[in-house]
Protein backbone atom coordinates (compact mmCIF):
# COMPACT_ATOMS: atom_id res chain seq x y z
CA MET A 1 115.17 46.43 123.23
CA ALA A 2 113.25 43.82 125.41
CA ARG A 3 113.70 43.15 129.08
CA ILE A 4 114.28 39.33 129.45
CA LEU A 5 114.63 37.16 132.38
CA VAL A 6 116.57 33.88 132.00
CA VAL A 7 115.96 30.96 134.69
CA ASP A 8 117.92 27.93 134.22
CA ASP A 9 119.84 25.88 136.78
CA SER A 10 123.00 25.55 134.36
CA LYS A 11 125.54 28.50 134.72
CA GLU A 12 126.65 27.53 131.12
CA ILE A 13 123.27 27.97 129.52
CA ARG A 14 122.11 31.00 131.52
CA THR A 15 125.63 32.84 130.62
CA LEU A 16 125.35 31.67 126.82
CA VAL A 17 121.61 32.66 126.70
CA SER A 18 122.55 35.85 128.23
CA LEU A 19 125.42 36.68 125.79
CA TYR A 20 123.13 36.00 122.79
CA LEU A 21 120.38 38.17 123.99
CA ALA A 22 122.73 40.95 125.28
CA LYS A 23 124.59 41.05 121.95
CA ALA A 24 121.23 41.22 120.23
CA GLY A 25 120.55 44.43 122.40
CA HIS A 26 118.43 43.15 125.04
CA PHE A 27 118.39 43.88 128.71
CA VAL A 28 118.97 40.40 130.37
CA ALA A 29 118.54 39.51 134.17
CA THR A 30 119.05 35.85 135.25
CA ALA A 31 118.09 33.35 138.15
CA LYS A 32 119.31 30.10 138.82
CA ASN A 33 115.84 28.68 139.79
CA PRO A 34 112.16 29.37 140.25
CA ILE A 35 112.75 30.23 143.96
CA ASP A 36 115.61 32.83 143.10
CA ALA A 37 113.32 34.16 140.42
CA PHE A 38 110.57 34.76 142.91
CA ALA A 39 112.72 36.29 145.53
CA ASN A 40 114.88 38.45 143.55
CA VAL A 41 112.73 39.80 140.54
CA ASN A 42 109.67 41.17 139.98
CA ALA A 43 108.15 39.26 136.68
CA GLN A 44 105.85 42.29 135.83
CA GLU A 45 109.01 43.89 134.63
CA PHE A 46 109.87 41.75 132.11
CA ASP A 47 108.67 41.48 128.41
CA LEU A 48 109.75 37.57 128.08
CA ILE A 49 110.94 34.91 130.54
CA ILE A 50 113.19 32.07 129.41
CA LEU A 51 112.62 29.33 131.64
CA ASP A 52 114.20 25.58 131.98
CA ILE A 53 111.41 23.06 133.15
CA GLN A 54 113.63 20.65 135.02
CA MET A 55 115.49 22.37 137.90
CA PRO A 56 116.68 21.35 141.50
CA ARG A 57 115.35 24.07 143.44
CA GLY A 58 111.87 24.53 141.84
CA ASN A 59 110.04 23.30 138.97
CA GLY A 60 109.74 25.55 135.91
CA ILE A 61 106.04 24.32 135.16
CA ASP A 62 105.14 25.28 138.69
CA TYR A 63 106.48 28.67 138.39
CA ALA A 64 105.00 29.43 134.94
CA LYS A 65 101.78 28.44 136.55
CA SER A 66 102.15 30.79 139.56
CA LEU A 67 102.85 33.55 137.09
CA THR A 68 99.77 33.01 135.34
CA ARG A 69 97.77 32.74 138.49
CA THR A 70 99.30 35.78 139.82
CA LEU A 71 99.60 38.26 136.68
CA GLY A 72 96.91 36.69 134.39
CA ASP A 73 96.60 38.30 131.11
CA SER A 74 99.55 40.60 132.01
CA ARG A 75 102.16 37.55 132.25
CA PRO A 76 105.10 38.09 130.35
CA LYS A 77 105.88 36.21 127.16
CA LEU A 78 107.10 32.69 128.08
CA VAL A 79 109.57 30.26 126.41
CA PHE A 80 110.37 27.10 127.79
CA LEU A 81 114.01 26.04 126.88
CA SER A 82 114.56 22.44 128.12
CA ALA A 83 115.98 19.07 127.60
CA THR A 84 112.82 17.55 128.74
CA LYS A 85 111.75 15.13 125.93
CA GLU A 86 109.35 12.84 127.97
CA ARG A 87 105.71 13.05 127.12
CA ASP A 88 104.67 13.89 130.61
CA GLY A 89 107.01 16.81 131.00
CA VAL A 90 106.25 18.23 127.47
CA SER A 91 102.47 17.65 127.88
CA GLU A 92 102.42 19.50 131.16
CA ALA A 93 104.56 22.54 129.64
CA ILE A 94 101.80 22.52 126.66
CA LYS A 95 98.96 23.11 129.22
CA ILE A 96 100.53 26.41 130.33
CA LYS A 97 100.48 27.57 126.79
CA PRO A 98 104.03 28.83 126.29
CA ASP A 99 104.61 31.30 123.23
CA ALA A 100 107.44 28.93 122.43
CA TYR A 101 109.00 25.66 123.49
CA ILE A 102 112.82 25.04 122.52
CA LEU A 103 114.55 21.90 122.80
CA LYS A 104 118.10 21.78 124.09
CA PRO A 105 120.58 21.77 122.56
CA PHE A 106 119.71 24.50 120.22
CA LYS A 107 121.52 26.87 117.57
CA LYS A 108 122.23 30.46 118.15
CA GLY A 109 120.23 31.68 114.99
CA SER A 110 117.33 29.53 115.72
CA PHE A 111 117.06 30.77 119.19
CA LEU A 112 117.34 34.39 118.47
CA SER A 113 114.94 33.82 115.73
CA VAL A 114 112.24 32.28 118.00
CA VAL A 115 112.88 35.07 120.33
CA ASP A 116 112.42 37.93 118.09
CA ARG A 117 108.99 36.22 116.73
CA VAL A 118 107.72 35.84 120.31
CA LEU A 119 108.79 39.36 121.11
CA GLU A 120 107.21 40.93 117.97
CA SER A 121 103.90 39.10 118.82
CA ARG A 122 103.65 41.41 121.93
CA SER A 123 102.19 44.34 120.18
CA GLU A 124 99.53 41.79 118.37
CA ASP A 125 98.33 40.65 121.63
CA ASN A 126 97.62 43.97 122.61
CA LEU A 127 94.99 44.63 119.86
CA ALA A 128 91.40 44.20 120.70
CA ASP A 129 89.75 41.18 119.19
CA ASP A 130 85.91 42.07 118.25
CA ARG A 131 85.09 38.79 116.89
CA PRO A 132 82.11 37.16 118.42
CA SER A 133 83.17 34.54 121.18
CA SER A 134 81.75 31.60 119.26
CA GLU A 135 84.39 32.23 116.74
CA LEU A 136 87.01 32.63 119.33
CA LYS A 137 86.17 29.42 120.86
CA MET A 138 86.64 27.79 117.43
CA GLU A 139 89.93 29.11 116.97
CA ALA A 140 90.88 27.92 120.50
CA LYS A 141 89.88 24.47 119.70
CA LEU A 142 92.01 24.53 116.25
CA ILE A 143 94.86 25.63 118.03
CA GLU A 144 94.57 23.14 120.46
CA SER A 145 94.17 20.18 117.99
CA ARG A 146 97.29 21.74 116.02
CA SER A 147 99.42 21.57 119.38
CA ILE A 148 98.66 18.03 119.68
CA GLU A 149 99.39 17.12 116.15
CA ILE A 150 102.84 19.24 116.67
CA PHE A 151 103.78 17.32 119.65
CA LYS A 152 103.07 13.96 117.74
CA TYR A 153 105.36 14.99 114.94
CA ILE A 154 107.98 16.02 117.44
CA VAL A 155 107.85 12.84 119.12
CA LYS A 156 107.78 10.89 115.78
CA PHE A 157 110.77 12.80 114.39
CA LYS A 158 112.76 12.02 117.48
CA ALA A 159 112.09 8.53 117.51
CA SER A 160 112.71 8.36 113.93
CA ASN A 161 116.49 9.76 114.38
CA GLY A 162 117.14 7.92 117.43
CA GLY A 163 116.49 10.92 119.62
CA LYS A 164 118.94 13.16 117.58
CA GLY A 165 119.02 15.56 114.77
CA THR A 166 119.27 19.02 113.99
CA LEU A 167 115.55 19.70 114.27
CA VAL A 168 114.97 22.59 116.86
CA ASN A 169 111.62 21.82 118.36
CA VAL A 170 109.76 25.25 118.73
CA VAL A 171 106.17 25.55 118.87
CA ASN A 172 104.92 29.26 119.02
CA TRP A 173 101.23 28.35 120.18
CA SER A 174 99.48 31.73 118.90
CA LYS A 175 100.63 31.11 115.27
CA ARG A 176 102.07 27.88 113.97
CA ALA A 177 104.93 25.42 114.41
CA VAL A 178 108.37 26.39 113.42
CA PHE A 179 110.99 23.89 112.47
CA VAL A 180 114.42 25.21 111.80
């Protein structure tokens, strides 16, 4: 069981996601915007934060940046859940290096699968990496170039399908792209 915070301005999305996660055995708290999340929730108490990008009272990207500045490496896992398809919004989100990015609308099975993968990676992150820093830097560059390739693929796919399709765009930045 994981402790998960869902931050989204849509009551319907908060309710739906909360139900999915609670039925999967997780503890779920919600906030309707980043301001409420900051005021009422200690982010360190959560294993995962699922965060919308565009909200009327606060920006999900700014909230994620603030969490990263404040908590550093102890920041909870982060999944963006957004309808944002604009290049600027997506590329700004990518810079924060979320653990996944899910494009709305999504399917329950795909959503829960991504959450499970992100939560499973928690234990992997706690392992010490004793590789030389030059090797780690090369891996970071490879991940960054793959992220750019994945973004281009997502844009190309959406453009070729008139912005529609059953593709759930999820990018697990620590491992690989997952297309369901």
